[in-house]
Full PDB file with SEQRES, HELIX, SHEET, SSBOND, CRYST1, ORIGX, SCALE, CONECT and MASTER records, all heavy atoms in Angstrom:
SEQRES   1 A   30  ALA ALA GLN SER PHE ALA PRO LEU VAL ASN ARG PRO GLU          
SEQRES   2 A   30  HIS ALA ALA ARG CYS LEU ALA ALA ALA ALA ASP ALA GLY          
SEQRES   3 A   30  ALA PRO ALA HIS                                              
HELIX    1 AA1 PRO A   12  ASP A   24  1                                  13    
CRYST1    1.000    1.000    1.000  90.00  90.00  90.00 P 1           1          
ORIGX1      1.000000  0.000000  0.000000        0.00000                         
ORIGX2      0.000000  1.000000  0.000000        0.00000                         
ORIGX3      0.000000  0.000000  1.000000        0.00000                         
SCALE1      1.000000  0.000000  0.000000        0.00000                         
SCALE2      0.000000  1.000000  0.000000        0.00000                         
SCALE3      0.000000  0.000000  1.000000        0.00000                         
ATOM      1  N   ALA A   1      46.446   8.261 -42.914  1.00  0.00           N  
ATOM      2  CA  ALA A   1      45.098   8.797 -42.718  1.00  0.00           C  
ATOM      3  C   ALA A   1      44.278   8.498 -43.968  1.00  0.00           C  
ATOM      4  O   ALA A   1      44.762   8.616 -45.093  1.00  0.00           O  
ATOM      5  CB  ALA A   1      45.143  10.295 -42.479  1.00  0.00           C  
ATOM      6  N   ALA A   2      43.068   8.065 -43.758  1.00  0.00           N  
ATOM      7  CA  ALA A   2      42.170   7.771 -44.874  1.00  0.00           C  
ATOM      8  C   ALA A   2      40.790   8.312 -44.562  1.00  0.00           C  
ATOM      9  O   ALA A   2      40.366   8.324 -43.413  1.00  0.00           O  
ATOM     10  CB  ALA A   2      42.087   6.271 -45.111  1.00  0.00           C  
ATOM     11  N   GLN A   3      40.124   8.766 -45.586  1.00  0.00           N  
ATOM     12  CA  GLN A   3      38.747   9.226 -45.423  1.00  0.00           C  
ATOM     13  C   GLN A   3      37.842   8.071 -45.820  1.00  0.00           C  
ATOM     14  O   GLN A   3      37.816   7.657 -46.972  1.00  0.00           O  
ATOM     15  CB  GLN A   3      38.470  10.434 -46.305  1.00  0.00           C  
ATOM     16  CG  GLN A   3      37.070  10.951 -46.153  1.00  0.00           C  
ATOM     17  CD  GLN A   3      36.823  12.193 -47.009  1.00  0.00           C  
ATOM     18  OE1 GLN A   3      37.728  12.752 -47.583  1.00  0.00           O  
ATOM     19  NE2 GLN A   3      35.586  12.595 -47.078  1.00  0.00           N  
ATOM     20  N   SER A   4      37.121   7.537 -44.858  1.00  0.00           N  
ATOM     21  CA  SER A   4      36.275   6.390 -45.157  1.00  0.00           C  
ATOM     22  C   SER A   4      34.814   6.768 -45.350  1.00  0.00           C  
ATOM     23  O   SER A   4      34.029   5.946 -45.784  1.00  0.00           O  
ATOM     24  CB  SER A   4      36.404   5.341 -44.057  1.00  0.00           C  
ATOM     25  OG  SER A   4      36.026   5.898 -42.810  1.00  0.00           O  
ATOM     26  N   PHE A   5      34.443   7.996 -45.030  1.00  0.00           N  
ATOM     27  CA  PHE A   5      33.069   8.426 -45.188  1.00  0.00           C  
ATOM     28  C   PHE A   5      33.015   9.723 -45.980  1.00  0.00           C  
ATOM     29  O   PHE A   5      33.791  10.635 -45.734  1.00  0.00           O  
ATOM     30  CB  PHE A   5      32.386   8.659 -43.832  1.00  0.00           C  
ATOM     31  CG  PHE A   5      32.210   7.412 -43.033  1.00  0.00           C  
ATOM     32  CD1 PHE A   5      33.095   7.078 -42.034  1.00  0.00           C  
ATOM     33  CD2 PHE A   5      31.163   6.557 -43.307  1.00  0.00           C  
ATOM     34  CE1 PHE A   5      32.941   5.922 -41.306  1.00  0.00           C  
ATOM     35  CE2 PHE A   5      30.997   5.395 -42.587  1.00  0.00           C  
ATOM     36  CZ  PHE A   5      31.886   5.073 -41.582  1.00  0.00           C  
ATOM     37  N   ALA A   6      32.106   9.781 -46.908  1.00  0.00           N  
ATOM     38  CA  ALA A   6      31.895  11.015 -47.660  1.00  0.00           C  
ATOM     39  C   ALA A   6      31.000  11.937 -46.838  1.00  0.00           C  
ATOM     40  O   ALA A   6      30.168  11.467 -46.060  1.00  0.00           O  
ATOM     41  CB  ALA A   6      31.219  10.701 -48.994  1.00  0.00           C  
ATOM     42  N   PRO A   7      31.133  13.237 -47.011  1.00  0.00           N  
ATOM     43  CA  PRO A   7      30.227  14.140 -46.298  1.00  0.00           C  
ATOM     44  C   PRO A   7      28.815  14.030 -46.866  1.00  0.00           C  
ATOM     45  O   PRO A   7      28.630  13.835 -48.065  1.00  0.00           O  
ATOM     46  CB  PRO A   7      30.824  15.524 -46.567  1.00  0.00           C  
ATOM     47  CG  PRO A   7      31.598  15.369 -47.828  1.00  0.00           C  
ATOM     48  CD  PRO A   7      32.089  13.955 -47.847  1.00  0.00           C  
ATOM     49  N   LEU A   8      27.837  14.111 -46.013  1.00  0.00           N  
ATOM     50  CA  LEU A   8      26.445  14.076 -46.446  1.00  0.00           C  
ATOM     51  C   LEU A   8      26.015  15.503 -46.745  1.00  0.00           C  
ATOM     52  O   LEU A   8      26.081  16.368 -45.875  1.00  0.00           O  
ATOM     53  CB  LEU A   8      25.560  13.479 -45.348  1.00  0.00           C  
ATOM     54  CG  LEU A   8      24.125  13.206 -45.767  1.00  0.00           C  
ATOM     55  CD1 LEU A   8      23.586  12.004 -45.040  1.00  0.00           C  
ATOM     56  CD2 LEU A   8      23.238  14.402 -45.579  1.00  0.00           C  
ATOM     57  N   VAL A   9      25.622  15.735 -47.990  1.00  0.00           N  
ATOM     58  CA  VAL A   9      25.203  17.070 -48.405  1.00  0.00           C  
ATOM     59  C   VAL A   9      23.837  16.967 -49.064  1.00  0.00           C  
ATOM     60  O   VAL A   9      23.694  16.325 -50.111  1.00  0.00           O  
ATOM     61  CB  VAL A   9      26.221  17.704 -49.382  1.00  0.00           C  
ATOM     62  CG1 VAL A   9      25.764  19.093 -49.799  1.00  0.00           C  
ATOM     63  CG2 VAL A   9      27.606  17.750 -48.760  1.00  0.00           C  
ATOM     64  N   ASN A  10      22.839  17.550 -48.427  1.00  0.00           N  
ATOM     65  CA  ASN A  10      21.493  17.565 -49.001  1.00  0.00           C  
ATOM     66  C   ASN A  10      21.439  18.521 -50.190  1.00  0.00           C  
ATOM     67  O   ASN A  10      22.046  19.590 -50.158  1.00  0.00           O  
ATOM     68  CB  ASN A  10      20.462  18.025 -47.964  1.00  0.00           C  
ATOM     69  CG  ASN A  10      20.151  16.962 -46.940  1.00  0.00           C  
ATOM     70  OD1 ASN A  10      20.397  15.789 -47.131  1.00  0.00           O  
ATOM     71  ND2 ASN A  10      19.601  17.396 -45.822  1.00  0.00           N  
ATOM     72  N   ARG A  11      20.691  18.151 -51.210  1.00  0.00           N  
ATOM     73  CA  ARG A  11      20.425  19.074 -52.307  1.00  0.00           C  
ATOM     74  C   ARG A  11      19.392  20.085 -51.812  1.00  0.00           C  
ATOM     75  O   ARG A  11      18.375  19.693 -51.238  1.00  0.00           O  
ATOM     76  CB  ARG A  11      19.863  18.330 -53.518  1.00  0.00           C  
ATOM     77  CG  ARG A  11      20.818  17.361 -54.166  1.00  0.00           C  
ATOM     78  CD  ARG A  11      21.743  18.124 -55.112  1.00  0.00           C  
ATOM     79  NE  ARG A  11      22.697  17.246 -55.741  1.00  0.00           N  
ATOM     80  CZ  ARG A  11      22.596  16.790 -56.980  1.00  0.00           C  
ATOM     81  NH1 ARG A  11      21.586  17.143 -57.737  1.00  0.00           N  
ATOM     82  NH2 ARG A  11      23.523  15.999 -57.474  1.00  0.00           N  
ATOM     83  N   PRO A  12      19.636  21.369 -52.008  1.00  0.00           N  
ATOM     84  CA  PRO A  12      18.713  22.385 -51.477  1.00  0.00           C  
ATOM     85  C   PRO A  12      17.273  22.193 -51.934  1.00  0.00           C  
ATOM     86  O   PRO A  12      16.343  22.350 -51.140  1.00  0.00           O  
ATOM     87  CB  PRO A  12      19.292  23.698 -51.996  1.00  0.00           C  
ATOM     88  CG  PRO A  12      20.736  23.415 -52.212  1.00  0.00           C  
ATOM     89  CD  PRO A  12      20.807  21.972 -52.646  1.00  0.00           C  
ATOM     90  N   GLU A  13      17.052  21.838 -53.202  1.00  0.00           N  
ATOM     91  CA  GLU A  13      15.680  21.673 -53.686  1.00  0.00           C  
ATOM     92  C   GLU A  13      14.986  20.477 -53.039  1.00  0.00           C  
ATOM     93  O   GLU A  13      13.786  20.505 -52.779  1.00  0.00           O  
ATOM     94  CB  GLU A  13      15.651  21.567 -55.220  1.00  0.00           C  
ATOM     95  CG  GLU A  13      16.355  20.352 -55.796  1.00  0.00           C  
ATOM     96  CD  GLU A  13      17.855  20.518 -56.050  1.00  0.00           C  
ATOM     97  OE1 GLU A  13      18.495  21.410 -55.458  1.00  0.00           O  
ATOM     98  OE2 GLU A  13      18.393  19.731 -56.842  1.00  0.00           O  
ATOM     99  N   HIS A  14      15.740  19.437 -52.724  1.00  0.00           N  
ATOM    100  CA  HIS A  14      15.147  18.276 -52.070  1.00  0.00           C  
ATOM    101  C   HIS A  14      14.884  18.556 -50.590  1.00  0.00           C  
ATOM    102  O   HIS A  14      13.869  18.120 -50.043  1.00  0.00           O  
ATOM    103  CB  HIS A  14      16.042  17.048 -52.254  1.00  0.00           C  
ATOM    104  CG  HIS A  14      16.157  16.621 -53.672  1.00  0.00           C  
ATOM    105  ND1 HIS A  14      15.346  15.667 -54.233  1.00  0.00           N  
ATOM    106  CD2 HIS A  14      16.972  17.049 -54.664  1.00  0.00           C  
ATOM    107  CE1 HIS A  14      15.669  15.512 -55.507  1.00  0.00           C  
ATOM    108  NE2 HIS A  14      16.653  16.345 -55.786  1.00  0.00           N  
ATOM    109  N   ALA A  15      15.798  19.276 -49.959  1.00  0.00           N  
ATOM    110  CA  ALA A  15      15.576  19.663 -48.567  1.00  0.00           C  
ATOM    111  C   ALA A  15      14.354  20.565 -48.453  1.00  0.00           C  
ATOM    112  O   ALA A  15      13.543  20.419 -47.535  1.00  0.00           O  
ATOM    113  CB  ALA A  15      16.821  20.357 -48.014  1.00  0.00           C  
ATOM    114  N   ALA A  16      14.186  21.479 -49.411  1.00  0.00           N  
ATOM    115  CA  ALA A  16      13.015  22.370 -49.405  1.00  0.00           C  
ATOM    116  C   ALA A  16      11.734  21.562 -49.565  1.00  0.00           C  
ATOM    117  O   ALA A  16      10.723  21.860 -48.914  1.00  0.00           O  
ATOM    118  CB  ALA A  16      13.141  23.406 -50.521  1.00  0.00           C  
ATOM    119  N   ARG A  17      11.765  20.542 -50.408  1.00  0.00           N  
ATOM    120  CA  ARG A  17      10.581  19.686 -50.587  1.00  0.00           C  
ATOM    121  C   ARG A  17      10.258  18.939 -49.290  1.00  0.00           C  
ATOM    122  O   ARG A  17       9.091  18.796 -48.924  1.00  0.00           O  
ATOM    123  CB  ARG A  17      10.820  18.689 -51.724  1.00  0.00           C  
ATOM    124  CG  ARG A  17       9.550  17.947 -52.103  1.00  0.00           C  
ATOM    125  CD  ARG A  17       9.771  16.999 -53.254  1.00  0.00           C  
ATOM    126  NE  ARG A  17      10.141  17.739 -54.458  1.00  0.00           N  
ATOM    127  CZ  ARG A  17      10.649  17.162 -55.547  1.00  0.00           C  
ATOM    128  NH1 ARG A  17      10.855  15.883 -55.595  1.00  0.00           N  
ATOM    129  NH2 ARG A  17      10.949  17.899 -56.596  1.00  0.00           N  
ATOM    130  N   CYS A  18      11.289  18.494 -48.584  1.00  0.00           N  
ATOM    131  CA  CYS A  18      11.072  17.815 -47.301  1.00  0.00           C  
ATOM    132  C   CYS A  18      10.435  18.749 -46.280  1.00  0.00           C  
ATOM    133  O   CYS A  18       9.508  18.361 -45.564  1.00  0.00           O  
ATOM    134  CB  CYS A  18      12.389  17.275 -46.759  1.00  0.00           C  
ATOM    135  SG  CYS A  18      13.037  15.849 -47.645  1.00  0.00           S  
ATOM    136  N   LEU A  19      10.933  19.992 -46.221  1.00  0.00           N  
ATOM    137  CA  LEU A  19      10.371  20.962 -45.284  1.00  0.00           C  
ATOM    138  C   LEU A  19       8.938  21.324 -45.645  1.00  0.00           C  
ATOM    139  O   LEU A  19       8.082  21.468 -44.766  1.00  0.00           O  
ATOM    140  CB  LEU A  19      11.235  22.222 -45.249  1.00  0.00           C  
ATOM    141  CG  LEU A  19      12.574  22.077 -44.538  1.00  0.00           C  
ATOM    142  CD1 LEU A  19      13.428  23.319 -44.753  1.00  0.00           C  
ATOM    143  CD2 LEU A  19      12.362  21.821 -43.057  1.00  0.00           C  
ATOM    144  N   ALA A  20       8.655  21.467 -46.950  1.00  0.00           N  
ATOM    145  CA  ALA A  20       7.293  21.790 -47.382  1.00  0.00           C  
ATOM    146  C   ALA A  20       6.341  20.650 -47.037  1.00  0.00           C  
ATOM    147  O   ALA A  20       5.211  20.884 -46.602  1.00  0.00           O  
ATOM    148  CB  ALA A  20       7.272  22.085 -48.881  1.00  0.00           C  
ATOM    149  N   ALA A  21       6.785  19.411 -47.218  1.00  0.00           N  
ATOM    150  CA  ALA A  21       5.944  18.263 -46.870  1.00  0.00           C  
ATOM    151  C   ALA A  21       5.695  18.210 -45.367  1.00  0.00           C  
ATOM    152  O   ALA A  21       4.599  17.868 -44.924  1.00  0.00           O  
ATOM    153  CB  ALA A  21       6.599  16.958 -47.345  1.00  0.00           C  
ATOM    154  N   ALA A  22       6.690  18.589 -44.584  1.00  0.00           N  
ATOM    155  CA  ALA A  22       6.505  18.630 -43.135  1.00  0.00           C  
ATOM    156  C   ALA A  22       5.449  19.661 -42.766  1.00  0.00           C  
ATOM    157  O   ALA A  22       4.592  19.412 -41.910  1.00  0.00           O  
ATOM    158  CB  ALA A  22       7.829  18.935 -42.441  1.00  0.00           C  
ATOM    159  N   ALA A  23       5.474  20.806 -43.439  1.00  0.00           N  
ATOM    160  CA  ALA A  23       4.443  21.833 -43.195  1.00  0.00           C  
ATOM    161  C   ALA A  23       3.076  21.322 -43.609  1.00  0.00           C  
ATOM    162  O   ALA A  23       2.085  21.527 -42.907  1.00  0.00           O  
ATOM    163  CB  ALA A  23       4.789  23.115 -43.941  1.00  0.00           C  
ATOM    164  N   ASP A  24       3.007  20.620 -44.761  1.00  0.00           N  
ATOM    165  CA  ASP A  24       1.739  20.029 -45.206  1.00  0.00           C  
ATOM    166  C   ASP A  24       1.184  19.057 -44.168  1.00  0.00           C  
ATOM    167  O   ASP A  24      -0.023  18.940 -44.000  1.00  0.00           O  
ATOM    168  CB  ASP A  24       1.929  19.247 -46.526  1.00  0.00           C  
ATOM    169  CG  ASP A  24       2.249  20.132 -47.710  1.00  0.00           C  
ATOM    170  OD1 ASP A  24       2.114  21.369 -47.609  1.00  0.00           O  
ATOM    171  OD2 ASP A  24       2.647  19.560 -48.749  1.00  0.00           O  
ATOM    172  N   ALA A  25       2.090  18.346 -43.502  1.00  0.00           N  
ATOM    173  CA  ALA A  25       1.688  17.337 -42.521  1.00  0.00           C  
ATOM    174  C   ALA A  25       1.386  17.942 -41.156  1.00  0.00           C  
ATOM    175  O   ALA A  25       1.036  17.227 -40.220  1.00  0.00           O  
ATOM    176  CB  ALA A  25       2.784  16.281 -42.390  1.00  0.00           C  
ATOM    177  N   GLY A  26       1.524  19.261 -41.037  1.00  0.00           N  
ATOM    178  CA  GLY A  26       1.196  19.927 -39.781  1.00  0.00           C  
ATOM    179  C   GLY A  26       2.334  19.975 -38.780  1.00  0.00           C  
ATOM    180  O   GLY A  26       2.109  20.240 -37.605  1.00  0.00           O  
ATOM    181  N   ALA A  27       3.560  19.736 -39.239  1.00  0.00           N  
ATOM    182  CA  ALA A  27       4.697  19.794 -38.326  1.00  0.00           C  
ATOM    183  C   ALA A  27       4.959  21.234 -37.918  1.00  0.00           C  
ATOM    184  O   ALA A  27       4.792  22.145 -38.721  1.00  0.00           O  
ATOM    185  CB  ALA A  27       5.936  19.208 -38.992  1.00  0.00           C  
ATOM    186  N   PRO A  28       5.384  21.447 -36.696  1.00  0.00           N  
ATOM    187  CA  PRO A  28       5.718  22.816 -36.280  1.00  0.00           C  
ATOM    188  C   PRO A  28       6.967  23.293 -37.022  1.00  0.00           C  
ATOM    189  O   PRO A  28       7.801  22.489 -37.436  1.00  0.00           O  
ATOM    190  CB  PRO A  28       5.995  22.671 -34.778  1.00  0.00           C  
ATOM    191  CG  PRO A  28       6.342  21.236 -34.584  1.00  0.00           C  
ATOM    192  CD  PRO A  28       5.591  20.473 -35.637  1.00  0.00           C  
ATOM    193  N   ALA A  29       7.081  24.587 -37.182  1.00  0.00           N  
ATOM    194  CA  ALA A  29       8.266  25.159 -37.840  1.00  0.00           C  
ATOM    195  C   ALA A  29       9.481  24.929 -36.954  1.00  0.00           C  
ATOM    196  O   ALA A  29       9.410  25.060 -35.732  1.00  0.00           O  
ATOM    197  CB  ALA A  29       8.055  26.647 -38.075  1.00  0.00           C  
ATOM    198  N   HIS A  30      10.561  24.555 -37.572  1.00  0.00           N  
ATOM    199  CA  HIS A  30      11.803  24.322 -36.835  1.00  0.00           C  
ATOM    200  C   HIS A  30      12.858  25.316 -37.299  1.00  0.00           C  
ATOM    201  O   HIS A  30      12.908  25.658 -38.476  1.00  0.00           O  
ATOM    202  CB  HIS A  30      12.313  22.886 -37.063  1.00  0.00           C  
ATOM    203  CG  HIS A  30      11.461  21.866 -36.404  1.00  0.00           C  
ATOM    204  ND1 HIS A  30      11.556  21.576 -35.070  1.00  0.00           N  
ATOM    205  CD2 HIS A  30      10.487  21.079 -36.885  1.00  0.00           C  
ATOM    206  CE1 HIS A  30      10.668  20.639 -34.760  1.00  0.00           C  
ATOM    207  NE2 HIS A  30      10.008  20.333 -35.848  1.00  0.00           N  
TER     208      HIS A  30                                                      
MASTER        0    0    0    1    0    0    0    6  207    1    0    3          
END                                                                             
């Protein structure tokens, strides 16, 4: 058995920036 893919883990501060930009752009809350 081998692990060929690392888990994708968002940095909380970067994810928060993405969500804030979505709000700035008028995206509905998800």
